C-alpha atoms as a PDB file:
ATOM      1  CA  UNK A   1       0.058  -0.255  -0.109  1.00  0.00           C
ATOM      2  CA  UNK A   2       2.891   1.987   0.898  1.00  0.00           C
ATOM      3  CA  UNK A   3       4.490   1.818  -2.465  1.00  0.00           C
ATOM      4  CA  UNK A   4       1.420   2.025  -4.210  1.00  0.00           C
ATOM      5  CA  UNK A   5       0.586   5.391  -2.184  1.00  0.00           C
ATOM      6  CA  UNK A   6       3.530   6.676  -3.558  1.00  0.00           C
ATOM      7  CA  UNK A   7       3.078   6.211  -7.079  1.00  0.00           C
ATOM      8  CA  UNK A   8      -0.283   7.985  -6.706  1.00  0.00           C
ATOM      9  CA  UNK A   9       1.608  11.030  -4.879  1.00  0.00           C
ATOM     10  CA  UNK A  10       3.750  10.983  -7.946  1.00  0.00           C
ATOM     11  CA  UNK A  11       0.478  11.412 -10.149  1.00  0.00           C
ATOM     12  CA  UNK A  12       0.354   7.816 -12.060  1.00  0.00           C
ATOM     13  CA  UNK A  13      -2.095   5.301 -12.082  1.00  0.00           C
ATOM     14  CA  UNK A  14      -2.179   2.317 -10.398  1.00  0.00           C
ATOM     15  CA  UNK A  15      -4.631  -0.440 -11.420  1.00  0.00           C
ATOM     16  CA  UNK A  16      -4.856  -3.695 -10.986  1.00  0.00           C
ATOM     17  CA  UNK A  17      -5.563  -5.962 -14.160  1.00  0.00           C
ATOM     18  CA  UNK A  18      -7.840  -8.563 -12.313  1.00  0.00           C
ATOM     19  CA  UNK A  19      -9.993  -8.969  -9.689  1.00  0.00           C
ATOM     20  CA  UNK A  20      -7.764 -10.418  -6.539  1.00  0.00           C
ATOM     21  CA  UNK A  21      -4.939  -9.908  -8.432  1.00  0.00           C
ATOM     22  CA  UNK A  22      -1.544  -8.499  -7.274  1.00  0.00           C
ATOM     23  CA  UNK A  23      -0.914  -7.756 -10.713  1.00  0.00           C
ATOM     24  CA  UNK A  24      -0.875  -4.172 -11.751  1.00  0.00           C
ATOM     25  CA  UNK A  25      -1.039  -1.583 -14.913  1.00  0.00           C
ATOM     26  CA  UNK A  26       0.646   1.726 -13.985  1.00  0.00           C
ATOM     27  CA  UNK A  27       0.517   4.167 -16.121  1.00  0.00           C
ATOM     28  CA  UNK A  28       2.291   7.406 -16.367  1.00  0.00           C
ATOM     29  CA  UNK A  29       0.495   9.455 -18.819  1.00  0.00           C
ATOM     30  CA  UNK A  30       0.361  12.173 -16.201  1.00  0.00           C
ATOM     31  CA  UNK A  31       3.616  12.362 -14.479  1.00  0.00           C
ATOM     32  CA  UNK A  32       5.340  14.758 -14.846  1.00  0.00           C
ATOM     33  CA  UNK A  33       9.338  14.067 -14.869  1.00  0.00           C
ATOM     34  CA  UNK A  34      11.409  10.227 -14.674  1.00  0.00           C
ATOM     35  CA  UNK A  35      13.441  10.620 -11.990  1.00  0.00           C
ATOM     36  CA  UNK A  36      15.350   8.598  -9.598  1.00  0.00           C
ATOM     37  CA  UNK A  37      11.989   9.161  -7.236  1.00  0.00           C
ATOM     38  CA  UNK A  38       9.709   7.786  -9.538  1.00  0.00           C
ATOM     39  CA  UNK A  39      12.276   4.629 -10.572  1.00  0.00           C
ATOM     40  CA  UNK A  40      12.528   3.972  -7.131  1.00  0.00           C
ATOM     41  CA  UNK A  41       8.948   3.572  -6.345  1.00  0.00           C
ATOM     42  CA  UNK A  42       8.218   1.479  -9.824  1.00  0.00           C
ATOM     43  CA  UNK A  43      10.902  -0.705  -8.391  1.00  0.00           C
ATOM     44  CA  UNK A  44       9.160  -0.995  -4.756  1.00  0.00           C
ATOM     45  CA  UNK A  45       6.679  -2.412  -7.218  1.00  0.00           C
ATOM     46  CA  UNK A  46       8.491  -4.628  -9.318  1.00  0.00           C
ATOM     47  CA  UNK A  47       7.086  -8.541  -9.335  1.00  0.00           C
ATOM     48  CA  UNK A  48       3.453  -6.390  -9.032  1.00  0.00           C
ATOM     49  CA  UNK A  49       3.949  -4.501 -12.575  1.00  0.00           C
ATOM     50  CA  UNK A  50       2.599  -6.151 -15.348  1.00  0.00           C
ATOM     51  CA  UNK A  51       1.487  -3.547 -18.067  1.00  0.00           C
ATOM     52  CA  UNK A  52       3.237  -0.118 -17.660  1.00  0.00           C
ATOM     53  CA  UNK A  53       2.579   2.635 -19.826  1.00  0.00           C
ATOM     54  CA  UNK A  54       5.249   5.375 -20.714  1.00  0.00           C
ATOM     55  CA  UNK A  55       3.691   6.926 -23.693  1.00  0.00           C
ATOM     56  CA  UNK A  56       5.284  10.476 -24.555  1.00  0.00           C
ATOM     57  CA  UNK A  57       7.618  10.997 -21.518  1.00  0.00           C
ATOM     58  CA  UNK A  58      10.878  11.950 -21.225  1.00  0.00           C
ATOM     59  CA  UNK A  59      11.798   8.318 -20.789  1.00  0.00           C
ATOM     60  CA  UNK A  60      15.937   7.452 -21.942  1.00  0.00           C
ATOM     61  CA  UNK A  61      17.428   3.951 -22.265  1.00  0.00           C
ATOM     62  CA  UNK A  62      19.577   4.585 -18.211  1.00  0.00           C
ATOM     63  CA  UNK A  63      15.999   4.113 -17.381  1.00  0.00           C
ATOM     64  CA  UNK A  64      15.059   0.975 -18.294  1.00  0.00           C
ATOM     65  CA  UNK A  65      17.994  -0.643 -15.977  1.00  0.00           C
ATOM     66  CA  UNK A  66      15.249  -0.841 -13.431  1.00  0.00           C
ATOM     67  CA  UNK A  67      13.047  -2.349 -16.072  1.00  0.00           C
ATOM     68  CA  UNK A  68      15.104  -5.279 -15.757  1.00  0.00           C
ATOM     69  CA  UNK A  69      13.754  -6.202 -12.410  1.00  0.00           C
ATOM     70  CA  UNK A  70      10.248  -6.153 -13.960  1.00  0.00           C
ATOM     71  CA  UNK A  71       9.669 -10.262 -14.174  1.00  0.00           C
ATOM     72  CA  UNK A  72       5.945 -10.457 -14.594  1.00  0.00           C
ATOM     73  CA  UNK A  73       5.987  -7.222 -16.919  1.00  0.00           C
ATOM     74  CA  UNK A  74       4.024  -7.932 -20.269  1.00  0.00           C
ATOM     75  CA  UNK A  75       3.046  -5.112 -21.613  1.00  0.00           C
ATOM     76  CA  UNK A  76       5.548  -2.343 -22.494  1.00  0.00           C
ATOM     77  CA  UNK A  77       4.273   0.906 -23.774  1.00  0.00           C
ATOM     78  CA  UNK A  78       7.651   3.287 -25.039  1.00  0.00           C
ATOM     79  CA  UNK A  79       5.902   5.255 -27.894  1.00  0.00           C
ATOM     80  CA  UNK A  80       7.089   8.624 -28.084  1.00  0.00           C
ATOM     81  CA  UNK A  81       9.577   8.093 -25.987  1.00  0.00           C
ATOM     82  CA  UNK A  82      13.300   8.852 -25.719  1.00  0.00           C
ATOM     83  CA  UNK A  83      14.706   4.946 -25.500  1.00  0.00           C
ATOM     84  CA  UNK A  84      16.916   4.224 -28.215  1.00  0.00           C
ATOM     85  CA  UNK A  85      19.498   0.870 -28.660  1.00  0.00           C
ATOM     86  CA  UNK A  86      20.953   0.775 -25.697  1.00  0.00           C
ATOM     87  CA  UNK A  87      17.776   0.444 -23.896  1.00  0.00           C
ATOM     88  CA  UNK A  88      16.971  -2.163 -25.542  1.00  0.00           C
ATOM     89  CA  UNK A  89      18.913  -4.890 -23.986  1.00  0.00           C
ATOM     90  CA  UNK A  90      17.357  -4.831 -20.726  1.00  0.00           C
ATOM     91  CA  UNK A  91      14.427  -5.391 -22.308  1.00  0.00           C
ATOM     92  CA  UNK A  92      15.396  -8.773 -23.952  1.00  0.00           C
ATOM     93  CA  UNK A  93      15.893 -10.698 -21.331  1.00  0.00           C
ATOM     94  CA  UNK A  94      12.165 -10.251 -19.459  1.00  0.00           C
ATOM     95  CA  UNK A  95      10.925 -13.370 -18.980  1.00  0.00           C
ATOM     96  CA  UNK A  96       7.065 -12.405 -19.630  1.00  0.00           C
ATOM     97  CA  UNK A  97       6.897  -9.554 -22.238  1.00  0.00           C
ATOM     98  CA  UNK A  98       4.776  -9.823 -24.522  1.00  0.00           C
ATOM     99  CA  UNK A  99       3.773  -6.312 -26.357  1.00  0.00           C
ATOM    100  CA  UNK A 100       6.187  -4.221 -26.939  1.00  0.00           C
ATOM    101  CA  UNK A 101       5.363  -0.159 -28.288  1.00  0.00           C
ATOM    102  CA  UNK A 102       8.720   1.343 -29.559  1.00  0.00           C
ATOM    103  CA  UNK A 103       6.863   3.876 -32.068  1.00  0.00           C
ATOM    104  CA  UNK A 104       8.669   7.236 -32.174  1.00  0.00           C
ATOM    105  CA  UNK A 105      11.539   5.893 -30.277  1.00  0.00           C
ATOM    106  CA  UNK A 106      14.603   6.693 -31.895  1.00  0.00           C
ATOM    107  CA  UNK A 107      15.489   2.421 -32.653  1.00  0.00           C
ATOM    108  CA  UNK A 108      17.891   0.995 -35.048  1.00  0.00           C
ATOM    109  CA  UNK A 109      17.164  -2.190 -36.896  1.00  0.00           C
ATOM    110  CA  UNK A 110      20.577  -3.253 -34.807  1.00  0.00           C
ATOM    111  CA  UNK A 111      18.839  -2.395 -32.039  1.00  0.00           C
ATOM    112  CA  UNK A 112      16.034  -4.139 -32.483  1.00  0.00           C
ATOM    113  CA  UNK A 113      17.686  -7.034 -33.658  1.00  0.00           C
ATOM    114  CA  UNK A 114      18.593  -7.650 -29.421  1.00  0.00           C
ATOM    115  CA  UNK A 115      14.834  -7.638 -28.896  1.00  0.00           C
ATOM    116  CA  UNK A 116      15.240 -11.263 -31.046  1.00  0.00           C
ATOM    117  CA  UNK A 117      16.044 -13.536 -27.584  1.00  0.00           C
ATOM    118  CA  UNK A 118      13.385 -12.055 -25.744  1.00  0.00           C
ATOM    119  CA  UNK A 119      11.879 -15.099 -25.138  1.00  0.00           C
ATOM    120  CA  UNK A 120       7.975 -13.730 -24.491  1.00  0.00           C
ATOM    121  CA  UNK A 121       7.993 -11.057 -27.746  1.00  0.00           C
ATOM    122  CA  UNK A 122       4.699 -11.372 -29.619  1.00  0.00           C
ATOM    123  CA  UNK A 123       3.807  -7.937 -30.364  1.00  0.00           C
ATOM    124  CA  UNK A 124       6.036  -5.242 -31.407  1.00  0.00           C
ATOM    125  CA  UNK A 125       5.136  -1.725 -32.782  1.00  0.00           C
ATOM    126  CA  UNK A 126       8.218   0.300 -34.625  1.00  0.00           C
ATOM    127  CA  UNK A 127       6.235   2.450 -36.749  1.00  0.00           C
ATOM    128  CA  UNK A 128       8.412   5.943 -36.841  1.00  0.00           C
ATOM    129  CA  UNK A 129      11.256   4.806 -35.774  1.00  0.00           C
ATOM    130  CA  UNK A 130      14.905   4.974 -37.412  1.00  0.00           C
ATOM    131  CA  UNK A 131      14.410   1.624 -39.656  1.00  0.00           C
ATOM    132  CA  UNK A 132      13.377   1.297 -43.388  1.00  0.00           C
ATOM    133  CA  UNK A 133      11.632  -0.730 -45.384  1.00  0.00           C
ATOM    134  CA  UNK A 134      14.360  -3.203 -46.106  1.00  0.00           C
ATOM    135  CA  UNK A 135      15.862  -3.400 -42.541  1.00  0.00           C
ATOM    136  CA  UNK A 136      11.896  -4.311 -41.299  1.00  0.00           C
ATOM    137  CA  UNK A 137      11.456  -7.090 -43.301  1.00  0.00           C
ATOM    138  CA  UNK A 138      14.887  -8.259 -42.054  1.00  0.00           C
ATOM    139  CA  UNK A 139      13.685  -7.853 -38.786  1.00  0.00           C
ATOM    140  CA  UNK A 140      10.788  -9.329 -39.099  1.00  0.00           C
ATOM    141  CA  UNK A 141      12.310 -12.242 -41.031  1.00  0.00           C
ATOM    142  CA  UNK A 142      14.427 -12.677 -38.329  1.00  0.00           C
ATOM    143  CA  UNK A 143      11.460 -12.427 -35.546  1.00  0.00           C
ATOM    144  CA  UNK A 144       9.020 -15.070 -36.970  1.00  0.00           C
ATOM    145  CA  UNK A 145       7.475 -15.419 -34.377  1.00  0.00           C
ATOM    146  CA  UNK A 146       6.604 -11.237 -33.064  1.00  0.00           C
ATOM    147  CA  UNK A 147       3.818 -10.087 -35.436  1.00  0.00           C
ATOM    148  CA  UNK A 148       5.909  -6.891 -36.046  1.00  0.00           C
ATOM    149  CA  UNK A 149       3.071  -3.606 -37.140  1.00  0.00           C
ATOM    150  CA  UNK A 150       4.904  -0.605 -39.040  1.00  0.00           C
ATOM    151  CA  UNK A 151       2.055   1.301 -39.176  1.00  0.00           C
ATOM    152  CA  UNK A 152       1.336   3.826 -42.074  1.00  0.00           C
ATOM    153  CA  UNK A 153      -1.770   2.855 -42.951  1.00  0.00           C
ATOM    154  CA  UNK A 154      -3.525   3.539 -45.389  1.00  0.00           C
ATOM    155  CA  UNK A 155      -7.593   3.637 -44.833  1.00  0.00           C
ATOM    156  CA  UNK A 156      -9.740   3.706 -47.689  1.00  0.00           C
ATOM    157  CA  UNK A 157     -12.535   6.017 -47.648  1.00  0.00           C
ATOM    158  CA  UNK A 158     -16.008   4.604 -48.647  1.00  0.00           C
ATOM    159  CA  UNK A 159     -18.754   5.590 -50.545  1.00  0.00           C
ATOM    160  CA  UNK A 160     -20.792   5.681 -47.241  1.00  0.00           C
ATOM    161  CA  UNK A 161     -18.409   7.556 -44.981  1.00  0.00           C
ATOM    162  CA  UNK A 162     -19.538  10.811 -43.182  1.00  0.00           C
ATOM    163  CA  UNK A 163     -16.158  12.505 -43.913  1.00  0.00           C
ATOM    164  CA  UNK A 164     -15.401  14.727 -46.517  1.00  0.00           C
ATOM    165  CA  UNK A 165     -12.276  15.645 -48.571  1.00  0.00           C
ATOM    166  CA  UNK A 166     -10.654  18.859 -49.563  1.00  0.00           C
ATOM    167  CA  UNK A 167     -10.268  18.715 -53.659  1.00  0.00           C
END
């Protein structure tokens, strides 16, 4: 309870992922800064963190060293953060990491190669990263067990749509 209270004081959202579960979903979207105090508060709950949302925060690769102790982490949102190739090495050993969103992070194909050994990874989002089309194909081949989402969707407009297109 004290660790949860501390995270809430730092403006983090903390919710159980299921009724009568000790596993937690933590959202940092309202947190003002990523610092030693926040990382310490997260580490205090390390065995209980299952889902962690760090989207659009100044999370850096050096911060991910503390995430290596999150043994039950299954979903990690690092979209639009400053995480680069150096940080990915800390994530490759997480035993239950199933979902990783790196959209808009400055990671490269070389960095993503480190994730090929992630034991439970099944979903990887790499839209707007520092990877090229051919590199993404190589990654997809190397990580055949992972569903890789590269974004860039084109959604067709249908006659029944209620949107108007400027000409």
